[in-house]
Protein backbone atom coordinates (compact mmCIF):
# COMPACT_ATOMS: atom_id res chain seq x y z
CA MET A 1 -12.70 16.68 -6.92
CA ASP A 2 -13.59 13.87 -4.51
CA TRP A 3 -11.18 11.40 -3.72
CA THR A 4 -12.33 8.58 -5.70
CA THR A 5 -12.89 10.54 -8.94
CA THR A 6 -9.01 12.10 -8.22
CA LYS A 7 -7.89 8.55 -7.86
CA GLN A 8 -10.27 7.78 -11.36
CA PHE A 9 -8.18 10.45 -12.86
CA VAL A 10 -4.47 9.91 -11.51
CA SER A 11 -5.62 5.68 -12.72
CA ASP A 12 -6.40 7.20 -16.72
CA PHE A 13 -3.44 9.23 -16.82
CA THR A 14 -0.75 6.76 -15.14
CA VAL A 15 -1.47 2.72 -14.43
CA SER A 16 -4.62 0.62 -13.64
CA LYS A 17 -6.23 1.49 -10.15
CA ASP A 18 -4.48 -2.29 -8.83
CA ALA A 19 -0.42 -0.85 -10.12
CA LEU A 20 -1.94 2.31 -8.28
CA HIS A 21 -2.08 0.83 -5.17
CA ILE A 22 1.15 -1.51 -5.22
CA TYR A 23 3.03 1.25 -6.26
CA ALA A 24 1.78 3.73 -3.90
CA ALA A 25 2.50 1.16 -1.20
CA PHE A 26 5.99 1.01 -2.22
CA ALA A 27 6.37 4.53 -2.22
CA ILE A 28 4.60 5.12 1.39
CA GLN A 29 6.58 2.68 2.76
CA VAL A 30 9.81 3.37 1.57
CA PHE A 31 9.38 7.53 1.93
CA SER A 32 8.19 6.43 5.85
CA ALA A 33 10.85 4.57 6.54
CA ALA A 34 12.71 7.60 5.62
CA ILE A 35 11.27 9.78 7.16
CA ILE A 36 10.81 8.65 10.59
CA ARG A 37 13.93 6.86 9.90
CA ARG A 38 13.86 3.32 10.76
CA PRO A 39 14.45 0.24 8.47
CA LEU A 40 11.92 -1.52 6.49
CA SER A 41 12.68 -4.36 8.45
CA SER A 42 10.63 -2.32 11.43
CA PHE A 43 7.11 -3.13 11.44
CA ALA A 44 6.18 1.15 12.01
CA PRO A 45 6.77 1.70 8.21
CA TRP A 46 4.84 -1.23 7.49
CA THR A 47 2.15 -0.19 9.53
CA CYS A 48 2.14 3.80 7.88
CA VAL A 49 1.10 1.61 4.62
CA LEU A 50 -1.38 -0.75 6.77
CA ALA A 51 -3.31 2.79 8.44
CA VAL A 52 -3.13 4.48 5.09
CA ALA A 53 -4.16 1.68 3.25
CA VAL A 54 -6.93 1.18 6.32
CA LEU A 55 -7.95 4.61 5.73
CA ASN A 56 -8.05 4.96 1.57
CA GLU A 57 -10.88 1.84 1.97
CA ILE A 58 -12.90 2.96 4.00
CA ILE A 59 -13.67 6.29 2.43
CA ASP A 60 -14.15 4.55 -1.07
CA THR A 61 -16.08 2.15 0.56
CA PHE A 62 -18.07 4.12 3.34
CA PHE A 63 -18.27 7.49 1.47
CA ALA A 64 -18.83 6.83 -2.56
CA GLY A 65 -22.30 7.62 -2.28
CA GLU A 66 -24.04 4.61 -1.54
CA ALA A 67 -26.98 4.39 1.04
CA SER A 68 -25.28 0.83 2.50
CA VAL A 69 -22.47 -0.80 2.21
CA GLN A 70 -22.65 -3.68 -0.54
CA ALA A 71 -20.90 -6.69 -0.71
CA TRP A 72 -19.03 -6.24 -4.09
CA GLN A 73 -17.63 -3.25 -2.38
CA VAL A 74 -16.40 -5.19 0.53
CA LEU A 75 -14.98 -7.95 -1.95
CA GLY A 76 -13.60 -5.02 -3.48
CA ALA A 77 -11.65 -3.59 -0.71
CA ALA A 78 -10.13 -6.79 0.31
CA HIS A 79 -8.80 -7.17 -3.04
CA ASP A 80 -7.35 -3.48 -2.46
CA MET A 81 -5.75 -4.30 0.89
CA LEU A 82 -4.38 -7.82 -0.80
CA ASN A 83 -2.98 -5.81 -3.30
CA THR A 84 -1.59 -3.15 -1.43
CA MET A 85 -0.15 -4.84 1.22
CA PHE A 86 1.30 -7.66 -0.65
CA LEU A 87 4.75 -6.21 -1.09
CA PRO A 88 5.29 -4.37 1.93
CA THR A 89 4.62 -7.54 3.41
CA ALA A 90 7.23 -9.34 1.75
CA LEU A 91 9.65 -6.72 2.15
CA LEU A 92 9.23 -6.38 5.86
CA LEU A 93 9.70 -9.83 6.41
CA LEU A 94 12.32 -10.08 3.60
CA SER A 95 14.45 -7.45 5.38
CA ARG A 96 13.83 -9.11 8.78
CA PHE A 97 14.37 -12.79 8.47
CA ALA A 98 17.07 -12.65 4.76
CA PRO A 99 18.36 -9.47 5.09
CA ASN A 100 21.64 -10.95 3.21
CA VAL A 101 19.17 -10.67 0.13
CA PHE A 102 19.93 -7.32 0.13
CA GLU A 103 23.70 -7.31 0.18
CA ARG A 104 26.06 -6.72 -1.98
CA PRO A 105 27.98 -9.59 -2.82
CA LYS A 106 31.54 -9.21 -0.83
CA SER A 107 34.54 -9.26 -3.56
CA SER A 108 37.20 -11.66 -3.12
């Protein structure tokens, strides 16, 4: 089973491909932060998500069996990258520039 078929199989039995990108990105960011022991405010976990997302899109675009890259593939890859990177980028920016969003209110 190739990569594209595997993703389609997982998507068929769980959530849509768009949601799968979002959930996978979140999981990669959180797990990579834990593994490399860096906070979500660090660029390192975000970069891990970006690297996996780019690799996934390269595989989807260039190894999908087409003789040449089609315009619809490029648009699809851009759509997937936006879906994939939105939540990790929001978490990175919020944790860097508005960390109090994640704090528990102090009791008086």
